Amino acid sequence: MDIEQKQAELIDHFVTQAASLKAGGDSSSSASAAAAALIGEATSNPNLFAFSEMLSVPNLLLQLEGTEYAAYLDVLRLFAHGTWSDYKSNAARLPQLVPDQVLKLKQLTVLTLAETNKVLPYDQLMLELDVLNVRELEDFLINECMYMGIIRGKLDQLRRCFEVQFAAGRDLRPGQLGTMITTLSDWLTTSDSLLHTIQDKIRWADNMSEVDKKHKKDFEEKVEDMKKSLSLKAEIDIRGHEEIYSEPGGVMDFEEDRSRPKRRRHPV
């Protein structure tokens, strides 16, 4: 099963679980605890990296808002849009994360960094992930990111950086949709302009091809005309020579010459 299908199934599972929570705003401790536990389970799942669908479930919000477990909503928002640095900045008012959640949030942090930069310096990654050395960082990128299928890239030890080739997308942050639409619109405009340019180049190439064909045809016709002219001239020259040799007295007949008596030379 590929990562997209597994992700979709997990999202459906947790959304169904959240929607099945007792409706009507029951603020009992047990209902709120169940909602908080569901968030903890979702954010600890090693194969789930999208959480905005759970945030859109009204029952989940009703069970947690205004209760002692309300901070778990902030945890869910953190995993939907935040990073490990965001957690450290707000750790005092958030529940303590378990190791699986810490790992998940660090994976999501790498995805966030890869959104805007395709070359991630090791120093930046070690700072953002609280990693102490390059070996630990590379192990994390290989075992916890690339093997999981959420990112692909090349580890460049010489340049001390990670070159991103692919990164899974995260949940859209509030207000990010408008920016994305603008970016896509700009991309579409640029693509249309590029397409028109390519079409113009193709038409130009077709025209040049026709011109080249015409030039080639004209050249071949000139060559043929020259061949005919040379052939005609050669034929005329040959006929001229034949006429010279065929004229009376033009060439002495050898038999006639042999039949004439030889003159005797008298001694002086």
Protein backbone atom coordinates (compact mmCIF):
# COMPACT_ATOMS: atom_id res chain seq x y z
CA MET A 1 0.00 0.00 0.00
CA ASP A 2 1.47 3.37 -1.00
CA ILE A 3 1.76 6.29 1.38
CA GLU A 4 -1.11 8.27 -0.18
CA GLN A 5 -3.60 5.43 0.19
CA LYS A 6 -2.50 4.67 3.73
CA GLN A 7 -2.74 8.35 4.60
CA ALA A 8 -6.27 8.58 3.18
CA GLU A 9 -7.42 5.54 5.13
CA LEU A 10 -5.98 6.88 8.38
CA ILE A 11 -7.58 10.29 7.87
CA ASP A 12 -10.94 8.63 7.24
CA HIS A 13 -10.51 6.48 10.34
CA PHE A 14 -9.70 9.32 12.72
CA VAL A 15 -12.31 11.68 11.24
CA THR A 16 -14.93 8.97 11.74
CA GLN A 17 -13.77 8.48 15.32
CA ALA A 18 -13.90 12.21 16.00
CA ALA A 19 -17.35 12.56 14.44
CA SER A 20 -18.67 9.71 16.58
CA LEU A 21 -17.84 11.54 19.79
CA LYS A 22 -20.97 12.37 21.76
CA ALA A 23 -22.54 15.48 20.21
CA GLY A 24 -24.26 18.32 21.99
CA GLY A 25 -21.31 19.84 23.80
CA ASP A 26 -21.15 17.34 26.66
CA SER A 27 -18.34 18.69 28.83
CA SER A 28 -18.02 15.68 31.09
CA SER A 29 -14.49 14.76 31.97
CA SER A 30 -14.73 11.32 30.36
CA ALA A 31 -15.94 12.70 26.99
CA SER A 32 -13.24 15.35 26.95
CA ALA A 33 -10.61 12.80 27.96
CA ALA A 34 -11.72 10.56 25.09
CA ALA A 35 -11.34 13.43 22.63
CA ALA A 36 -7.90 14.28 24.01
CA ALA A 37 -6.85 10.62 23.79
CA LEU A 38 -8.00 10.48 20.17
CA ILE A 39 -5.79 13.49 19.37
CA GLY A 40 -2.88 11.84 21.15
CA GLU A 41 -3.40 8.65 19.15
CA ALA A 42 -3.61 10.50 15.84
CA THR A 43 -0.54 12.66 16.44
CA SER A 44 1.46 9.59 17.51
CA ASN A 45 0.53 7.45 14.52
CA PRO A 46 3.71 6.94 12.48
CA ASN A 47 1.88 7.02 9.14
CA LEU A 48 -0.39 10.04 9.57
CA PHE A 49 0.90 13.47 8.51
CA ALA A 50 -2.30 15.46 7.88
CA PHE A 51 -4.59 16.77 10.60
CA SER A 52 -6.72 19.58 9.18
CA GLU A 53 -9.60 17.17 8.52
CA MET A 54 -9.80 16.39 12.25
CA LEU A 55 -9.74 20.09 13.06
CA SER A 56 -12.80 20.55 10.87
CA VAL A 57 -14.90 18.05 12.86
CA PRO A 58 -17.33 20.12 15.02
CA ASN A 59 -17.84 17.40 17.66
CA LEU A 60 -14.13 17.30 18.46
CA LEU A 61 -14.05 21.03 19.08
CA LEU A 62 -17.19 20.91 21.21
CA GLN A 63 -15.80 18.19 23.43
CA LEU A 64 -12.58 20.09 24.18
CA GLU A 65 -13.21 23.84 24.12
CA GLY A 66 -13.51 25.30 27.60
CA THR A 67 -12.39 22.11 29.34
CA GLU A 68 -9.23 21.09 31.13
CA TYR A 69 -8.25 19.29 27.94
CA ALA A 70 -8.58 22.35 25.69
CA ALA A 71 -4.81 22.46 25.23
CA TYR A 72 -5.08 19.31 23.12
CA LEU A 73 -6.73 21.38 20.43
CA ASP A 74 -3.57 23.48 20.38
CA VAL A 75 -1.58 20.26 20.08
CA LEU A 76 -3.67 19.25 17.06
CA ARG A 77 -3.16 22.69 15.49
CA LEU A 78 0.57 22.39 16.20
CA PHE A 79 0.77 19.11 14.31
CA ALA A 80 -1.30 20.54 11.47
CA HIS A 81 0.74 23.70 10.96
CA GLY A 82 3.60 24.02 13.46
CA THR A 83 7.17 22.87 13.94
CA TRP A 84 9.42 21.56 16.71
CA SER A 85 10.59 25.11 17.39
CA ASP A 86 6.97 26.22 17.81
CA TYR A 87 6.44 23.52 20.40
CA LYS A 88 9.54 24.51 22.35
CA SER A 89 8.37 28.13 22.38
CA ASN A 90 4.98 27.11 23.81
CA ALA A 91 5.88 23.98 25.78
CA ALA A 92 4.86 25.58 29.10
CA ARG A 93 1.18 25.73 28.13
CA LEU A 94 1.03 22.52 26.11
CA PRO A 95 0.85 18.89 27.23
CA GLN A 96 4.18 17.12 27.25
CA LEU A 97 4.74 15.15 24.07
CA VAL A 98 5.53 11.45 24.08
CA PRO A 99 8.54 10.21 22.03
CA ASP A 100 6.38 9.21 19.04
CA GLN A 101 4.89 12.70 18.95
CA VAL A 102 8.33 14.29 19.18
CA LEU A 103 9.52 12.18 16.25
CA LYS A 104 6.40 13.06 14.23
CA LEU A 105 6.76 16.79 14.89
CA LYS A 106 10.41 16.73 13.82
CA GLN A 107 9.45 14.93 10.61
CA LEU A 108 6.82 17.59 9.95
CA THR A 109 9.43 20.26 10.65
CA VAL A 110 11.60 18.89 7.84
CA LEU A 111 8.60 19.03 5.49
CA THR A 112 7.97 22.65 6.45
CA LEU A 113 11.58 23.60 5.76
CA ALA A 114 11.43 21.80 2.41
CA GLU A 115 8.41 23.87 1.33
CA THR A 116 10.50 26.96 0.70
CA ASN A 117 14.06 25.64 0.30
CA LYS A 118 15.29 22.79 -1.85
CA VAL A 119 18.77 22.88 -0.34
CA LEU A 120 18.73 22.52 3.45
CA PRO A 121 22.06 23.18 5.22
CA TYR A 122 23.01 20.66 7.87
CA ASP A 123 23.58 23.44 10.39
CA GLN A 124 20.02 24.72 9.95
CA LEU A 125 18.55 21.23 10.25
CA MET A 126 20.55 20.41 13.36
CA LEU A 127 19.39 23.66 14.96
CA GLU A 128 15.71 23.18 14.05
CA LEU A 129 15.65 19.52 15.09
CA ASP A 130 17.87 19.70 18.17
CA VAL A 131 20.32 17.22 16.65
CA LEU A 132 23.85 17.23 18.04
CA ASN A 133 25.95 15.90 15.16
CA VAL A 134 25.92 15.14 11.43
CA ARG A 135 25.76 11.36 11.89
CA GLU A 136 22.61 11.63 13.98
CA LEU A 137 21.08 14.05 11.49
CA GLU A 138 21.79 11.83 8.48
CA ASP A 139 20.40 8.78 10.30
CA PHE A 140 17.23 10.74 11.03
CA LEU A 141 16.84 11.90 7.44
CA ILE A 142 17.43 8.41 6.04
CA ASN A 143 15.55 6.23 8.55
CA GLU A 144 12.73 8.53 9.66
CA CYS A 145 12.11 10.62 6.56
CA MET A 146 13.27 9.01 3.32
CA TYR A 147 12.41 5.43 4.30
CA MET A 148 8.98 6.67 5.37
CA GLY A 149 8.43 8.07 1.88
CA ILE A 150 7.65 11.61 3.04
CA ILE A 151 10.75 13.10 1.45
CA ARG A 152 13.38 12.20 -1.14
CA GLY A 153 16.72 13.79 -1.69
CA LYS A 154 20.48 13.57 -1.65
CA LEU A 155 22.80 13.83 1.34
CA ASP A 156 25.79 15.96 0.38
CA GLN A 157 28.44 15.46 3.05
CA LEU A 158 30.98 17.59 1.19
CA ARG A 159 28.71 20.64 1.09
CA ARG A 160 27.02 19.69 4.38
CA CYS A 161 23.50 19.97 3.05
CA PHE A 162 20.43 17.95 2.09
CA GLU A 163 19.20 18.46 -1.48
CA VAL A 164 15.41 18.01 -1.59
CA GLN A 165 13.98 16.26 -4.65
CA PHE A 166 10.48 15.63 -3.27
CA ALA A 167 8.62 16.47 -0.06
CA ALA A 168 5.08 15.58 0.96
CA GLY A 169 2.81 18.55 1.47
CA ARG A 170 1.53 19.63 4.87
CA ASP A 171 -1.89 20.97 5.84
CA LEU A 172 -2.59 24.45 4.56
CA ARG A 173 -2.08 27.11 7.19
CA PRO A 174 -4.79 29.74 7.77
CA GLY A 175 -4.52 32.32 4.99
CA GLN A 176 -2.20 30.13 2.93
CA LEU A 177 -4.89 29.14 0.45
CA GLY A 178 -5.09 32.65 -1.03
CA THR A 179 -1.32 32.77 -1.44
CA MET A 180 -1.34 29.36 -3.08
CA ILE A 181 -4.09 30.40 -5.49
CA THR A 182 -2.10 33.50 -6.42
CA THR A 183 1.04 31.42 -6.93
CA LEU A 184 -0.81 28.92 -9.11
CA SER A 185 -2.42 31.73 -11.12
CA ASP A 186 0.99 33.29 -11.74
CA TRP A 187 2.34 29.89 -12.73
CA LEU A 188 -0.58 29.39 -15.13
CA THR A 189 0.03 32.80 -16.72
CA THR A 190 3.72 32.05 -17.11
CA SER A 191 2.94 28.63 -18.56
CA ASP A 192 0.52 30.13 -21.11
CA SER A 193 3.13 32.68 -22.14
CA LEU A 194 5.75 29.97 -22.47
CA LEU A 195 3.35 27.84 -24.51
CA HIS A 196 2.70 30.71 -26.93
CA THR A 197 6.45 31.29 -27.24
CA ILE A 198 7.02 27.61 -28.01
CA GLN A 199 4.23 27.63 -30.59
CA ASP A 200 5.77 30.71 -32.24
CA LYS A 201 9.13 28.95 -32.36
CA ILE A 202 7.51 25.88 -33.92
CA ARG A 203 5.84 28.01 -36.59
CA TRP A 204 9.13 29.80 -37.25
CA ALA A 205 10.91 26.46 -37.55
CA ASP A 206 8.23 25.17 -39.93
CA ASN A 207 8.58 28.29 -42.09
CA MET A 208 12.35 27.99 -42.12
CA SER A 209 11.97 24.36 -43.09
CA GLU A 210 9.80 25.33 -46.05
CA VAL A 211 12.31 28.02 -47.07
CA ASP A 212 15.14 25.49 -46.83
CA LYS A 213 13.17 23.04 -48.95
CA LYS A 214 12.58 25.73 -51.58
CA HIS A 215 16.26 26.69 -51.60
CA LYS A 216 17.23 23.06 -51.92
CA LYS A 217 14.79 22.57 -54.79
CA ASP A 218 16.08 25.71 -56.56
CA PHE A 219 19.66 24.56 -56.09
CA GLU A 220 18.90 21.09 -57.45
CA GLU A 221 17.14 22.62 -60.47
CA LYS A 222 20.17 24.84 -61.13
CA VAL A 223 22.44 21.83 -60.88
CA GLU A 224 20.28 19.93 -63.36
CA ASP A 225 20.26 22.91 -65.74
CA MET A 226 24.03 23.12 -65.50
CA LYS A 227 24.36 19.41 -66.16
CA LYS A 228 22.13 19.72 -69.24
CA SER A 229 24.11 22.73 -70.44
CA LEU A 230 27.43 20.94 -70.01
CA SER A 231 26.05 17.84 -71.68
CA LEU A 232 24.79 19.87 -74.65
CA LYS A 233 28.13 21.67 -75.00
CA ALA A 234 30.00 18.37 -74.91
CA GLU A 235 27.71 16.96 -77.56
CA ILE A 236 28.26 20.00 -79.80
CA ASP A 237 32.05 19.71 -79.38
CA ILE A 238 31.95 16.02 -80.29
CA ARG A 239 29.89 16.71 -83.39
CA GLY A 240 32.32 19.43 -84.39
CA HIS A 241 35.24 17.02 -84.23
CA GLU A 242 33.34 14.41 -86.21
CA GLU A 243 32.60 16.90 -88.96
CA ILE A 244 36.25 17.89 -89.21
CA TYR A 245 37.45 14.32 -89.61
CA SER A 246 34.70 13.39 -92.02
CA GLU A 247 35.37 16.25 -94.55
CA PRO A 248 37.05 15.21 -97.98
CA GLY A 249 40.80 15.69 -97.75
CA GLY A 250 40.54 16.29 -94.11
CA VAL A 251 42.28 13.01 -93.32
CA MET A 252 44.37 11.15 -95.86
CA ASP A 253 43.19 7.66 -96.55
CA PHE A 254 45.86 5.23 -95.42
CA GLU A 255 45.08 2.63 -98.11
CA GLU A 256 45.22 5.33 -100.72
CA ASP A 257 48.59 6.37 -99.46
CA ARG A 258 49.96 2.82 -99.58
CA SER A 259 48.87 2.30 -103.19
CA ARG A 260 50.93 5.18 -104.50
CA PRO A 261 54.29 4.16 -105.99
CA LYS A 262 57.25 5.18 -103.96
CA ARG A 263 59.69 7.60 -105.57
CA ARG A 264 63.18 6.32 -106.15
CA ARG A 265 65.85 8.57 -104.93
CA HIS A 266 68.78 9.00 -107.34
CA PRO A 267 72.21 9.19 -105.90
CA VAL A 268 73.79 12.57 -106.09
